[in-house]
Amino acid sequence: MRKLIVTYWICTGLVALLMGVGSLPNILSSADSIALFGQLGYPTYLLPFLGVAKLLGVVAIILPGFPRIKEWAYAGLTFDLAGATFSFLAIGTAAEGIFMIFGFLVIAGSYVTYHKIRKAKLA
């Protein structure tokens, strides 16, 4: 059980780091984020919304309890990453899309271990 908890927190910490750090430039509408959104063809007014949504998702998966909210947070973070991956692949920057595989792996690791820990506590 201890190994499972350590794995959960490593994966969850990496998800929080990747998504949390990625949300700050969006919230602040930094010049780099605006340029990237322009390259992808998205409107810049979407930046703060996506940034706040990512940050709330990170908070939801870190806080204890609230299993239904955690489910939605994992789904939202996965959808965000899937959309970003598709966007990079659509404009021909496959290298960025391939990097996203790491994000999917840590989200999946966090999600799977969360459910294993929860199941073990209920049993």
PDB file of N, CA and C in Angstrom:
ATOM      1  N   MET A   1       0.827  -1.201   0.000  1.00  0.00           N
ATOM      2  CA  MET A   1       0.000   0.000   0.000  1.00  0.00           C
ATOM      3  C   MET A   1       0.870   1.263   0.000  1.00  0.00           C
ATOM      4  N   ARG A   2       1.968   1.222   0.745  1.00  0.00           N
ATOM      5  CA  ARG A   2       2.852   2.391   0.824  1.00  0.00           C
ATOM      6  C   ARG A   2       3.421   2.732  -0.562  1.00  0.00           C
ATOM      7  N   LYS A   3       3.812   1.686  -1.303  1.00  0.00           N
ATOM      8  CA  LYS A   3       4.351   1.879  -2.646  1.00  0.00           C
ATOM      9  C   LYS A   3       3.327   2.560  -3.559  1.00  0.00           C
ATOM     10  N   LEU A   4       2.078   2.140  -3.412  1.00  0.00           N
ATOM     11  CA  LEU A   4       0.995   2.699  -4.201  1.00  0.00           C
ATOM     12  C   LEU A   4       0.791   4.183  -3.880  1.00  0.00           C
ATOM     13  N   ILE A   5       0.838   4.511  -2.617  1.00  0.00           N
ATOM     14  CA  ILE A   5       0.660   5.906  -2.198  1.00  0.00           C
ATOM     15  C   ILE A   5       1.803   6.776  -2.704  1.00  0.00           C
ATOM     16  N   VAL A   6       3.029   6.260  -2.628  1.00  0.00           N
ATOM     17  CA  VAL A   6       4.185   7.016  -3.125  1.00  0.00           C
ATOM     18  C   VAL A   6       4.053   7.231  -4.634  1.00  0.00           C
ATOM     19  N   THR A   7       3.663   6.188  -5.356  1.00  0.00           N
ATOM     20  CA  THR A   7       3.470   6.307  -6.805  1.00  0.00           C
ATOM     21  C   THR A   7       2.380   7.328  -7.121  1.00  0.00           C
ATOM     22  N   TYR A   8       1.298   7.273  -6.355  1.00  0.00           N
ATOM     23  CA  TYR A   8       0.206   8.234  -6.554  1.00  0.00           C
ATOM     24  C   TYR A   8       0.710   9.669  -6.395  1.00  0.00           C
ATOM     25  N   TRP A   9       1.450   9.923  -5.321  1.00  0.00           N
ATOM     26  CA  TRP A   9       1.876  11.299  -5.072  1.00  0.00           C
ATOM     27  C   TRP A   9       2.950  11.771  -6.054  1.00  0.00           C
ATOM     28  N   ILE A  10       3.761  10.865  -6.530  1.00  0.00           N
ATOM     29  CA  ILE A  10       4.739  11.245  -7.564  1.00  0.00           C
ATOM     30  C   ILE A  10       3.995  11.641  -8.844  1.00  0.00           C
ATOM     31  N   CYS A  11       3.075  10.791  -9.282  1.00  0.00           N
ATOM     32  CA  CYS A  11       2.315  11.089 -10.506  1.00  0.00           C
ATOM     33  C   CYS A  11       1.457  12.343 -10.330  1.00  0.00           C
ATOM     34  N   THR A  12       0.788  12.443  -9.193  1.00  0.00           N
ATOM     35  CA  THR A  12      -0.075  13.600  -8.945  1.00  0.00           C
ATOM     36  C   THR A  12       0.743  14.884  -8.852  1.00  0.00           C
ATOM     37  N   GLY A  13       1.908  14.797  -8.222  1.00  0.00           N
ATOM     38  CA  GLY A  13       2.785  15.965  -8.148  1.00  0.00           C
ATOM     39  C   GLY A  13       3.254  16.411  -9.522  1.00  0.00           C
ATOM     40  N   LEU A  14       3.577  15.447 -10.385  1.00  0.00           N
ATOM     41  CA  LEU A  14       3.988  15.791 -11.750  1.00  0.00           C
ATOM     42  C   LEU A  14       2.827  16.403 -12.546  1.00  0.00           C
ATOM     43  N   VAL A  15       1.622  15.864 -12.368  1.00  0.00           N
ATOM     44  CA  VAL A  15       0.446  16.448 -13.029  1.00  0.00           C
ATOM     45  C   VAL A  15       0.245  17.874 -12.544  1.00  0.00           C
ATOM     46  N   ALA A  16       0.324  18.069 -11.224  1.00  0.00           N
ATOM     47  CA  ALA A  16       0.140  19.404 -10.656  1.00  0.00           C
ATOM     48  C   ALA A  16       1.208  20.371 -11.166  1.00  0.00           C
ATOM     49  N   LEU A  17       2.425  19.892 -11.263  1.00  0.00           N
ATOM     50  CA  LEU A  17       3.516  20.728 -11.752  1.00  0.00           C
ATOM     51  C   LEU A  17       3.307  21.101 -13.220  1.00  0.00           C
ATOM     52  N   LEU A  18       3.061  20.097 -14.051  1.00  0.00           N
ATOM     53  CA  LEU A  18       2.883  20.358 -15.489  1.00  0.00           C
ATOM     54  C   LEU A  18       1.684  21.259 -15.773  1.00  0.00           C
ATOM     55  N   MET A  19       0.552  20.911 -15.205  1.00  0.00           N
ATOM     56  CA  MET A  19      -0.664  21.671 -15.498  1.00  0.00           C
ATOM     57  C   MET A  19      -0.698  22.996 -14.728  1.00  0.00           C
ATOM     58  N   GLY A  20      -0.217  22.974 -13.502  1.00  0.00           N
ATOM     59  CA  GLY A  20      -0.225  24.203 -12.704  1.00  0.00           C
ATOM     60  C   GLY A  20       0.693  25.264 -13.272  1.00  0.00           C
ATOM     61  N   VAL A  21       1.910  24.862 -13.628  1.00  0.00           N
ATOM     62  CA  VAL A  21       2.858  25.816 -14.219  1.00  0.00           C
ATOM     63  C   VAL A  21       2.353  26.273 -15.588  1.00  0.00           C
ATOM     64  N   GLY A  22       1.736  25.366 -16.329  1.00  0.00           N
ATOM     65  CA  GLY A  22       1.194  25.719 -17.642  1.00  0.00           C
ATOM     66  C   GLY A  22      -0.008  26.640 -17.567  1.00  0.00           C
ATOM     67  N   SER A  23      -0.698  26.634 -16.438  1.00  0.00           N
ATOM     68  CA  SER A  23      -1.888  27.478 -16.321  1.00  0.00           C
ATOM     69  C   SER A  23      -1.550  28.951 -16.048  1.00  0.00           C
ATOM     70  N   LEU A  24      -0.425  29.205 -15.398  1.00  0.00           N
ATOM     71  CA  LEU A  24      -0.094  30.587 -15.005  1.00  0.00           C
ATOM     72  C   LEU A  24       0.100  31.536 -16.192  1.00  0.00           C
ATOM     73  N   PRO A  25       0.853  31.155 -17.226  1.00  0.00           N
ATOM     74  CA  PRO A  25       0.966  32.067 -18.370  1.00  0.00           C
ATOM     75  C   PRO A  25      -0.383  32.299 -19.067  1.00  0.00           C
ATOM     76  N   ASN A  26      -1.252  31.281 -19.025  1.00  0.00           N
ATOM     77  CA  ASN A  26      -2.577  31.454 -19.618  1.00  0.00           C
ATOM     78  C   ASN A  26      -3.407  32.451 -18.822  1.00  0.00           C
ATOM     79  N   ILE A  27      -3.387  32.307 -17.503  1.00  0.00           N
ATOM     80  CA  ILE A  27      -4.154  33.219 -16.651  1.00  0.00           C
ATOM     81  C   ILE A  27      -3.671  34.653 -16.832  1.00  0.00           C
ATOM     82  N   LEU A  28      -2.358  34.809 -16.914  1.00  0.00           N
ATOM     83  CA  LEU A  28      -1.776  36.145 -17.045  1.00  0.00           C
ATOM     84  C   LEU A  28      -1.765  36.660 -18.484  1.00  0.00           C
ATOM     85  N   SER A  29      -2.200  35.830 -19.432  1.00  0.00           N
ATOM     86  CA  SER A  29      -2.174  36.172 -20.863  1.00  0.00           C
ATOM     87  C   SER A  29      -0.806  36.711 -21.276  1.00  0.00           C
ATOM     88  N   SER A  30       0.212  35.913 -20.994  1.00  0.00           N
ATOM     89  CA  SER A  30       1.575  36.325 -21.320  1.00  0.00           C
ATOM     90  C   SER A  30       1.759  36.428 -22.832  1.00  0.00           C
ATOM     91  N   ALA A  31       2.777  37.145 -23.226  1.00  0.00           N
ATOM     92  CA  ALA A  31       3.048  37.351 -24.654  1.00  0.00           C
ATOM     93  C   ALA A  31       3.303  36.021 -25.365  1.00  0.00           C
ATOM     94  N   ASP A  32       4.020  35.112 -24.702  1.00  0.00           N
ATOM     95  CA  ASP A  32       4.286  33.803 -25.308  1.00  0.00           C
ATOM     96  C   ASP A  32       2.995  33.005 -25.507  1.00  0.00           C
ATOM     97  N   SER A  33       2.118  33.058 -24.515  1.00  0.00           N
ATOM     98  CA  SER A  33       0.844  32.341 -24.642  1.00  0.00           C
ATOM     99  C   SER A  33      -0.005  32.926 -25.759  1.00  0.00           C
ATOM    100  N   ILE A  34      -0.024  34.236 -25.852  1.00  0.00           N
ATOM    101  CA  ILE A  34      -0.791  34.898 -26.912  1.00  0.00           C
ATOM    102  C   ILE A  34      -0.228  34.523 -28.278  1.00  0.00           C
ATOM    103  N   ALA A  35       1.094  34.499 -28.398  1.00  0.00           N
ATOM    104  CA  ALA A  35       1.723  34.128 -29.667  1.00  0.00           C
ATOM    105  C   ALA A  35       1.408  32.678 -30.037  1.00  0.00           C
ATOM    106  N   LEU A  36       1.478  31.780 -29.055  1.00  0.00           N
ATOM    107  CA  LEU A  36       1.172  30.374 -29.306  1.00  0.00           C
ATOM    108  C   LEU A  36      -0.283  30.191 -29.720  1.00  0.00           C
ATOM    109  N   PHE A  37      -1.182  30.859 -29.025  1.00  0.00           N
ATOM    110  CA  PHE A  37      -2.604  30.763 -29.382  1.00  0.00           C
ATOM    111  C   PHE A  37      -2.849  31.319 -30.772  1.00  0.00           C
ATOM    112  N   GLY A  38      -2.140  32.382 -31.125  1.00  0.00           N
ATOM    113  CA  GLY A  38      -2.261  32.935 -32.476  1.00  0.00           C
ATOM    114  C   GLY A  38      -1.778  31.940 -33.516  1.00  0.00           C
ATOM    115  N   GLN A  39      -0.679  31.258 -33.218  1.00  0.00           N
ATOM    116  CA  GLN A  39      -0.135  30.251 -34.132  1.00  0.00           C
ATOM    117  C   GLN A  39      -1.116  29.090 -34.302  1.00  0.00           C
ATOM    118  N   LEU A  40      -1.793  28.732 -33.211  1.00  0.00           N
ATOM    119  CA  LEU A  40      -2.757  27.632 -33.263  1.00  0.00           C
ATOM    120  C   LEU A  40      -4.101  28.061 -33.853  1.00  0.00           C
ATOM    121  N   GLY A  41      -4.325  29.373 -33.954  1.00  0.00           N
ATOM    122  CA  GLY A  41      -5.561  29.865 -34.533  1.00  0.00           C
ATOM    123  C   GLY A  41      -6.700  30.030 -33.542  1.00  0.00           C
ATOM    124  N   TYR A  42      -6.378  30.093 -32.250  1.00  0.00           N
ATOM    125  CA  TYR A  42      -7.412  30.247 -31.229  1.00  0.00           C
ATOM    126  C   TYR A  42      -7.514  31.697 -30.782  1.00  0.00           C
ATOM    127  N   PRO A  43      -8.694  32.131 -30.348  1.00  0.00           N
ATOM    128  CA  PRO A  43      -8.843  33.505 -29.851  1.00  0.00           C
ATOM    129  C   PRO A  43      -8.176  33.661 -28.481  1.00  0.00           C
ATOM    130  N   THR A  44      -7.587  34.818 -28.263  1.00  0.00           N
ATOM    131  CA  THR A  44      -6.842  35.032 -27.016  1.00  0.00           C
ATOM    132  C   THR A  44      -7.752  35.167 -25.795  1.00  0.00           C
ATOM    133  N   TYR A  45      -9.024  35.486 -25.997  1.00  0.00           N
ATOM    134  CA  TYR A  45      -9.910  35.599 -24.835  1.00  0.00           C
ATOM    135  C   TYR A  45     -10.122  34.242 -24.147  1.00  0.00           C
ATOM    136  N   LEU A  46      -9.766  33.171 -24.804  1.00  0.00           N
ATOM    137  CA  LEU A  46      -9.893  31.838 -24.240  1.00  0.00           C
ATOM    138  C   LEU A  46      -8.775  31.516 -23.237  1.00  0.00           C
ATOM    139  N   LEU A  47      -7.666  32.233 -23.321  1.00  0.00           N
ATOM    140  CA  LEU A  47      -6.504  31.958 -22.462  1.00  0.00           C
ATOM    141  C   LEU A  47      -6.811  31.977 -20.965  1.00  0.00           C
ATOM    142  N   PRO A  48      -7.358  33.060 -20.411  1.00  0.00           N
ATOM    143  CA  PRO A  48      -7.594  33.070 -18.960  1.00  0.00           C
ATOM    144  C   PRO A  48      -8.577  31.989 -18.517  1.00  0.00           C
ATOM    145  N   PHE A  49      -9.589  31.726 -19.333  1.00  0.00           N
ATOM    146  CA  PHE A  49     -10.558  30.686 -18.993  1.00  0.00           C
ATOM    147  C   PHE A  49      -9.872  29.323 -18.866  1.00  0.00           C
ATOM    148  N   LEU A  50      -9.072  28.965 -19.860  1.00  0.00           N
ATOM    149  CA  LEU A  50      -8.374  27.678 -19.822  1.00  0.00           C
ATOM    150  C   LEU A  50      -7.381  27.617 -18.661  1.00  0.00           C
ATOM    151  N   GLY A  51      -6.701  28.716 -18.405  1.00  0.00           N
ATOM    152  CA  GLY A  51      -5.750  28.755 -17.301  1.00  0.00           C
ATOM    153  C   GLY A  51      -6.411  28.541 -15.951  1.00  0.00           C
ATOM    154  N   VAL A  52      -7.522  29.223 -15.718  1.00  0.00           N
ATOM    155  CA  VAL A  52      -8.242  29.072 -14.452  1.00  0.00           C
ATOM    156  C   VAL A  52      -8.815  27.658 -14.338  1.00  0.00           C
ATOM    157  N   ALA A  53      -9.349  27.123 -15.439  1.00  0.00           N
ATOM    158  CA  ALA A  53      -9.895  25.757 -15.421  1.00  0.00           C
ATOM    159  C   ALA A  53      -8.812  24.743 -15.082  1.00  0.00           C
ATOM    160  N   LYS A  54      -7.628  24.894 -15.669  1.00  0.00           N
ATOM    161  CA  LYS A  54      -6.518  23.979 -15.355  1.00  0.00           C
ATOM    162  C   LYS A  54      -6.111  24.089 -13.893  1.00  0.00           C
ATOM    163  N   LEU A  55      -6.009  25.308 -13.402  1.00  0.00           N
ATOM    164  CA  LEU A  55      -5.608  25.513 -12.014  1.00  0.00           C
ATOM    165  C   LEU A  55      -6.635  24.922 -11.049  1.00  0.00           C
ATOM    166  N   LEU A  56      -7.915  25.096 -11.332  1.00  0.00           N
ATOM    167  CA  LEU A  56      -8.954  24.498 -10.492  1.00  0.00           C
ATOM    168  C   LEU A  56      -8.906  22.972 -10.548  1.00  0.00           C
ATOM    169  N   GLY A  57      -8.598  22.420 -11.724  1.00  0.00           N
ATOM    170  CA  GLY A  57      -8.449  20.973 -11.852  1.00  0.00           C
ATOM    171  C   GLY A  57      -7.300  20.449 -11.008  1.00  0.00           C
ATOM    172  N   VAL A  58      -6.209  21.171 -11.008  1.00  0.00           N
ATOM    173  CA  VAL A  58      -5.049  20.782 -10.196  1.00  0.00           C
ATOM    174  C   VAL A  58      -5.408  20.808  -8.715  1.00  0.00           C
ATOM    175  N   VAL A  59      -6.084  21.864  -8.289  1.00  0.00           N
ATOM    176  CA  VAL A  59      -6.489  21.967  -6.886  1.00  0.00           C
ATOM    177  C   VAL A  59      -7.411  20.800  -6.524  1.00  0.00           C
ATOM    178  N   ALA A  60      -8.328  20.460  -7.426  1.00  0.00           N
ATOM    179  CA  ALA A  60      -9.284  19.381  -7.158  1.00  0.00           C
ATOM    180  C   ALA A  60      -8.601  18.030  -6.997  1.00  0.00           C
ATOM    181  N   ILE A  61      -7.573  17.758  -7.794  1.00  0.00           N
ATOM    182  CA  ILE A  61      -6.942  16.433  -7.649  1.00  0.00           C
ATOM    183  C   ILE A  61      -5.987  16.371  -6.463  1.00  0.00           C
ATOM    184  N   ILE A  62      -5.539  17.515  -5.978  1.00  0.00           N
ATOM    185  CA  ILE A  62      -4.627  17.520  -4.829  1.00  0.00           C
ATOM    186  C   ILE A  62      -5.395  17.454  -3.505  1.00  0.00           C
ATOM    187  N   LEU A  63      -6.525  18.147  -3.423  1.00  0.00           N
ATOM    188  CA  LEU A  63      -7.276  18.174  -2.173  1.00  0.00           C
ATOM    189  C   LEU A  63      -7.860  16.805  -1.858  1.00  0.00           C
ATOM    190  N   PRO A  64      -7.846  16.416  -0.590  1.00  0.00           N
ATOM    191  CA  PRO A  64      -8.457  15.131  -0.223  1.00  0.00           C
ATOM    192  C   PRO A  64      -9.987  15.218  -0.288  1.00  0.00           C
ATOM    193  N   GLY A  65     -10.603  14.069  -0.501  1.00  0.00           N
ATOM    194  CA  GLY A  65     -12.061  14.022  -0.559  1.00  0.00           C
ATOM    195  C   GLY A  65     -12.595  14.416  -1.922  1.00  0.00           C
ATOM    196  N   PHE A  66     -13.879  14.667  -1.989  1.00  0.00           N
ATOM    197  CA  PHE A  66     -14.572  15.118  -3.201  1.00  0.00           C
ATOM    198  C   PHE A  66     -14.323  14.206  -4.406  1.00  0.00           C
ATOM    199  N   PRO A  67     -14.638  12.907  -4.284  1.00  0.00           N
ATOM    200  CA  PRO A  67     -14.318  11.978  -5.381  1.00  0.00           C
ATOM    201  C   PRO A  67     -14.982  12.324  -6.712  1.00  0.00           C
ATOM    202  N   ARG A  68     -16.204  12.832  -6.696  1.00  0.00           N
ATOM    203  CA  ARG A  68     -16.866  13.156  -7.958  1.00  0.00           C
ATOM    204  C   ARG A  68     -16.192  14.345  -8.640  1.00  0.00           C
ATOM    205  N   ILE A  69     -15.793  15.326  -7.862  1.00  0.00           N
ATOM    206  CA  ILE A  69     -15.098  16.487  -8.429  1.00  0.00           C
ATOM    207  C   ILE A  69     -13.745  16.055  -8.989  1.00  0.00           C
ATOM    208  N   LYS A  70     -13.069  15.131  -8.299  1.00  0.00           N
ATOM    209  CA  LYS A  70     -11.791  14.612  -8.804  1.00  0.00           C
ATOM    210  C   LYS A  70     -11.977  13.947 -10.169  1.00  0.00           C
ATOM    211  N   GLU A  71     -13.050  13.180 -10.321  1.00  0.00           N
ATOM    212  CA  GLU A  71     -13.317  12.526 -11.601  1.00  0.00           C
ATOM    213  C   GLU A  71     -13.435  13.568 -12.714  1.00  0.00           C
ATOM    214  N   TRP A  72     -14.182  14.616 -12.463  1.00  0.00           N
ATOM    215  CA  TRP A  72     -14.350  15.685 -13.453  1.00  0.00           C
ATOM    216  C   TRP A  72     -13.032  16.398 -13.711  1.00  0.00           C
ATOM    217  N   ALA A  73     -12.243  16.584 -12.667  1.00  0.00           N
ATOM    218  CA  ALA A  73     -10.951  17.255 -12.832  1.00  0.00           C
ATOM    219  C   ALA A  73     -10.007  16.422 -13.695  1.00  0.00           C
ATOM    220  N   TYR A  74      -9.943  15.124 -13.427  1.00  0.00           N
ATOM    221  CA  TYR A  74      -9.104  14.254 -14.260  1.00  0.00           C
ATOM    222  C   TYR A  74      -9.583  14.289 -15.715  1.00  0.00           C
ATOM    223  N   ALA A  75     -10.899  14.243 -15.904  1.00  0.00           N
ATOM    224  CA  ALA A  75     -11.435  14.294 -17.269  1.00  0.00           C
ATOM    225  C   ALA A  75     -11.083  15.620 -17.937  1.00  0.00           C
ATOM    226  N   GLY A  76     -11.258  16.715 -17.223  1.00  0.00           N
ATOM    227  CA  GLY A  76     -10.964  18.029 -17.791  1.00  0.00           C
ATOM    228  C   GLY A  76      -9.507  18.205 -18.158  1.00  0.00           C
ATOM    229  N   LEU A  77      -8.620  17.754 -17.281  1.00  0.00           N
ATOM    230  CA  LEU A  77      -7.190  17.862 -17.572  1.00  0.00           C
ATOM    231  C   LEU A  77      -6.814  16.985 -18.764  1.00  0.00           C
ATOM    232  N   THR A  78      -7.439  15.824 -18.863  1.00  0.00           N
ATOM    233  CA  THR A  78      -7.179  14.943 -20.002  1.00  0.00           C
ATOM    234  C   THR A  78      -7.698  15.565 -21.292  1.00  0.00           C
ATOM    235  N   PHE A  79      -8.893  16.144 -21.248  1.00  0.00           N
ATOM    236  CA  PHE A  79      -9.444  16.817 -22.437  1.00  0.00           C
ATOM    237  C   PHE A  79      -8.564  17.989 -22.855  1.00  0.00           C
ATOM    238  N   ASP A  80      -8.082  18.745 -21.878  1.00  0.00           N
ATOM    239  CA  ASP A  80      -7.201  19.869 -22.183  1.00  0.00           C
ATOM    240  C   ASP A  80      -5.932  19.389 -22.883  1.00  0.00           C
ATOM    241  N   LEU A  81      -5.340  18.340 -22.356  1.00  0.00           N
ATOM    242  CA  LEU A  81      -4.122  17.792 -22.944  1.00  0.00           C
ATOM    243  C   LEU A  81      -4.390  17.191 -24.324  1.00  0.00           C
ATOM    244  N   ALA A  82      -5.533  16.518 -24.472  1.00  0.00           N
ATOM    245  CA  ALA A  82      -5.888  15.948 -25.778  1.00  0.00           C
ATOM    246  C   ALA A  82      -6.102  17.048 -26.812  1.00  0.00           C
ATOM    247  N   GLY A  83      -6.756  18.131 -26.406  1.00  0.00           N
ATOM    248  CA  GLY A  83      -6.960  19.260 -27.319  1.00  0.00           C
ATOM    249  C   GLY A  83      -5.647  19.904 -27.724  1.00  0.00           C
ATOM    250  N   ALA A  84      -4.744  20.057 -26.760  1.00  0.00           N
ATOM    251  CA  ALA A  84      -3.435  20.637 -27.065  1.00  0.00           C
ATOM    252  C   ALA A  84      -2.646  19.727 -28.002  1.00  0.00           C
ATOM    253  N   THR A  85      -2.711  18.423 -27.737  1.00  0.00           N
ATOM    254  CA  THR A  85      -2.004  17.469 -28.592  1.00  0.00           C
ATOM    255  C   THR A  85      -2.536  17.534 -30.016  1.00  0.00           C
ATOM    256  N   PHE A  86      -3.845  17.503 -30.154  1.00  0.00           N
ATOM    257  CA  PHE A  86      -4.452  17.572 -31.481  1.00  0.00           C
ATOM    258  C   PHE A  86      -4.077  18.877 -32.181  1.00  0.00           C
ATOM    259  N   SER A  87      -4.096  19.969 -31.448  1.00  0.00           N
ATOM    260  CA  SER A  87      -3.770  21.264 -32.038  1.00  0.00           C
ATOM    261  C   SER A  87      -2.345  21.299 -32.578  1.00  0.00           C
ATOM    262  N   PHE A  88      -1.405  20.778 -31.784  1.00  0.00           N
ATOM    263  CA  PHE A  88      -0.014  20.756 -32.245  1.00  0.00           C
ATOM    264  C   PHE A  88       0.155  19.850 -33.462  1.00  0.00           C
ATOM    265  N   LEU A  89      -0.495  18.709 -33.441  1.00  0.00           N
ATOM    266  CA  LEU A  89      -0.399  17.799 -34.579  1.00  0.00           C
ATOM    267  C   LEU A  89      -1.053  18.397 -35.822  1.00  0.00           C
ATOM    268  N   ALA A  90      -2.152  19.138 -35.632  1.00  0.00           N
ATOM    269  CA  ALA A  90      -2.880  19.729 -36.759  1.00  0.00           C
ATOM    270  C   ALA A  90      -2.059  20.789 -37.486  1.00  0.00           C
ATOM    271  N   ILE A  91      -1.204  21.515 -36.754  1.00  0.00           N
ATOM    272  CA  ILE A  91      -0.406  22.545 -37.422  1.00  0.00           C
ATOM    273  C   ILE A  91       0.971  22.029 -37.828  1.00  0.00           C
ATOM    274  N   GLY A  92       1.202  20.735 -37.597  1.00  0.00           N
ATOM    275  CA  GLY A  92       2.432  20.125 -38.095  1.00  0.00           C
ATOM    276  C   GLY A  92       3.614  20.159 -37.164  1.00  0.00           C
ATOM    277  N   THR A  93       3.395  20.426 -35.887  1.00  0.00           N
ATOM    278  CA  THR A  93       4.513  20.381 -34.937  1.00  0.00           C
ATOM    279  C   THR A  93       4.404  19.096 -34.122  1.00  0.00           C
ATOM    280  N   ALA A  94       4.723  17.995 -34.766  1.00  0.00           N
ATOM    281  CA  ALA A  94       4.590  16.667 -34.155  1.00  0.00           C
ATOM    282  C   ALA A  94       5.483  16.513 -32.931  1.00  0.00           C
ATOM    283  N   ALA A  95       6.602  17.201 -32.892  1.00  0.00           N
ATOM    284  CA  ALA A  95       7.508  17.086 -31.741  1.00  0.00           C
ATOM    285  C   ALA A  95       6.788  17.516 -30.460  1.00  0.00           C
ATOM    286  N   GLU A  96       6.006  18.581 -30.526  1.00  0.00           N
ATOM    287  CA  GLU A  96       5.233  19.030 -29.366  1.00  0.00           C
ATOM    288  C   GLU A  96       4.180  17.993 -29.004  1.00  0.00           C
ATOM    289  N   GLY A  97       3.545  17.418 -30.019  1.00  0.00           N
ATOM    290  CA  GLY A  97       2.520  16.404 -29.784  1.00  0.00           C
ATOM    291  C   GLY A  97       3.080  15.167 -29.126  1.00  0.00           C
ATOM    292  N   ILE A  98       4.277  14.777 -29.506  1.00  0.00           N
ATOM    293  CA  ILE A  98       4.908  13.593 -28.922  1.00  0.00           C
ATOM    294  C   ILE A  98       5.267  13.842 -27.460  1.00  0.00           C
ATOM    295  N   PHE A  99       5.667  15.065 -27.120  1.00  0.00           N
ATOM    296  CA  PHE A  99       5.982  15.412 -25.739  1.00  0.00           C
ATOM    297  C   PHE A  99       4.764  15.247 -24.835  1.00  0.00           C
ATOM    298  N   MET A 100       3.591  15.401 -25.403  1.00  0.00           N
ATOM    299  CA  MET A 100       2.354  15.315 -24.623  1.00  0.00           C
ATOM    300  C   MET A 100       2.113  13.904 -24.086  1.00  0.00           C
ATOM    301  N   ILE A 101       2.750  12.903 -24.682  1.00  0.00           N
ATOM    302  CA  ILE A 101       2.580  11.526 -24.206  1.00  0.00           C
ATOM    303  C   ILE A 101       2.956  11.428 -22.731  1.00  0.00           C
ATOM    304  N   PHE A 102       3.996  12.142 -22.331  1.00  0.00           N
ATOM    305  CA  PHE A 102       4.400  12.149 -20.925  1.00  0.00           C
ATOM    306  C   PHE A 102       3.264  12.658 -20.048  1.00  0.00           C
ATOM    307  N   GLY A 103       2.586  13.708 -20.490  1.00  0.00           N
ATOM    308  CA  GLY A 103       1.455  14.246 -19.738  1.00  0.00           C
ATOM    309  C   GLY A 103       0.338  13.232 -19.571  1.00  0.00           C
ATOM    310  N   PHE A 104       0.028  12.518 -20.661  1.00  0.00           N
ATOM    311  CA  PHE A 104      -1.005  11.487 -20.581  1.00  0.00           C
ATOM    312  C   PHE A 104      -0.606  10.374 -19.621  1.00  0.00           C
ATOM    313  N   LEU A 105       0.672  10.001 -19.631  1.00  0.00           N
ATOM    314  CA  LEU A 105       1.136   8.930 -18.752  1.00  0.00           C
ATOM    315  C   LEU A 105       1.033   9.308 -17.279  1.00  0.00           C
ATOM    316  N   VAL A 106       1.413  10.525 -16.928  1.00  0.00           N
ATOM    317  CA  VAL A 106       1.342  10.898 -15.509  1.00  0.00           C
ATOM    318  C   VAL A 106      -0.101  11.109 -15.062  1.00  0.00           C
ATOM    319  N   ILE A 107      -0.967  11.620 -15.944  1.00  0.00           N
ATOM    320  CA  ILE A 107      -2.385  11.733 -15.578  1.00  0.00           C
ATOM    321  C   ILE A 107      -2.968  10.339 -15.372  1.00  0.00           C
ATOM    322  N   ALA A 108      -2.668   9.425 -16.276  1.00  0.00           N
ATOM    323  CA  ALA A 108      -3.167   8.051 -16.143  1.00  0.00           C
ATOM    324  C   ALA A 108      -2.618   7.395 -14.878  1.00  0.00           C
ATOM    325  N   GLY A 109      -1.342   7.605 -14.597  1.00  0.00           N
ATOM    326  CA  GLY A 109      -0.751   7.038 -13.381  1.00  0.00           C
ATOM    327  C   GLY A 109      -1.418   7.559 -12.127  1.00  0.00           C
ATOM    328  N   SER A 110      -1.664   8.849 -12.079  1.00  0.00           N
ATOM    329  CA  SER A 110      -2.334   9.446 -10.932  1.00  0.00           C
ATOM    330  C   SER A 110      -3.757   8.917 -10.790  1.00  0.00           C
ATOM    331  N   TYR A 111      -4.460   8.851 -11.898  1.00  0.00           N
ATOM    332  CA  TYR A 111      -5.859   8.411 -11.889  1.00  0.00           C
ATOM    333  C   TYR A 111      -5.979   6.950 -11.451  1.00  0.00           C
ATOM    334  N   VAL A 112      -5.178   6.089 -12.039  1.00  0.00           N
ATOM    335  CA  VAL A 112      -5.252   4.656 -11.730  1.00  0.00           C
ATOM    336  C   VAL A 112      -4.870   4.397 -10.274  1.00  0.00           C
ATOM    337  N   THR A 113      -3.787   4.998  -9.814  1.00  0.00           N
ATOM    338  CA  THR A 113      -3.374   4.768  -8.424  1.00  0.00           C
ATOM    339  C   THR A 113      -4.364   5.380  -7.441  1.00  0.00           C
ATOM    340  N   TYR A 114      -4.980   6.509  -7.780  1.00  0.00           N
ATOM    341  CA  TYR A 114      -6.019   7.101  -6.934  1.00  0.00           C
ATOM    342  C   TYR A 114      -7.145   6.096  -6.716  1.00  0.00           C
ATOM    343  N   HIS A 115      -7.590   5.463  -7.791  1.00  0.00           N
ATOM    344  CA  HIS A 115      -8.686   4.498  -7.684  1.00  0.00           C
ATOM    345  C   HIS A 115      -8.268   3.230  -6.941  1.00  0.00           C
ATOM    346  N   LYS A 116      -7.035   2.795  -7.106  1.00  0.00           N
ATOM    347  CA  LYS A 116      -6.563   1.613  -6.377  1.00  0.00           C
ATOM    348  C   LYS A 116      -6.512   1.899  -4.881  1.00  0.00           C
ATOM    349  N   ILE A 117      -6.023   3.071  -4.516  1.00  0.00           N
ATOM    350  CA  ILE A 117      -5.958   3.455  -3.095  1.00  0.00           C
ATOM    351  C   ILE A 117      -7.368   3.568  -2.518  1.00  0.00           C
ATOM    352  N   ARG A 118      -8.245   4.189  -3.270  1.00  0.00           N
ATOM    353  CA  ARG A 118      -9.639   4.376  -2.817  1.00  0.00           C
ATOM    354  C   ARG A 118     -10.327   3.024  -2.631  1.00  0.00           C
ATOM    355  N   LYS A 119     -10.098   2.123  -3.582  1.00  0.00           N
ATOM    356  CA  LYS A 119     -10.692   0.787  -3.493  1.00  0.00           C
ATOM    357  C   LYS A 119     -10.156   0.017  -2.286  1.00  0.00           C
ATOM    358  N   ALA A 120      -8.850   0.139  -2.025  1.00  0.00           N
ATOM    359  CA  ALA A 120      -8.238  -0.544  -0.889  1.00  0.00           C
ATOM    360  C   ALA A 120      -8.784  -0.003   0.435  1.00  0.00           C
ATOM    361  N   LYS A 121      -9.065   1.276   0.503  1.00  0.00           N
ATOM    362  CA  LYS A 121      -9.600   1.872   1.733  1.00  0.00           C
ATOM    363  C   LYS A 121     -11.045   1.453   1.947  1.00  0.00           C
ATOM    364  N   LEU A 122     -11.784   1.245   0.875  1.00  0.00           N
ATOM    365  CA  LEU A 122     -13.190   0.838   1.000  1.00  0.00           C
ATOM    366  C   LEU A 122     -13.331  -0.644   1.309  1.00  0.00           C
ATOM    367  N   ALA A 123     -12.321  -1.424   0.986  1.00  0.00           N
ATOM    368  CA  ALA A 123     -12.406  -2.884   1.193  1.00  0.00           C
ATOM    369  C   ALA A 123     -12.179  -3.266   2.629  1.00  0.00           C
TER     370      ALA A 123
END
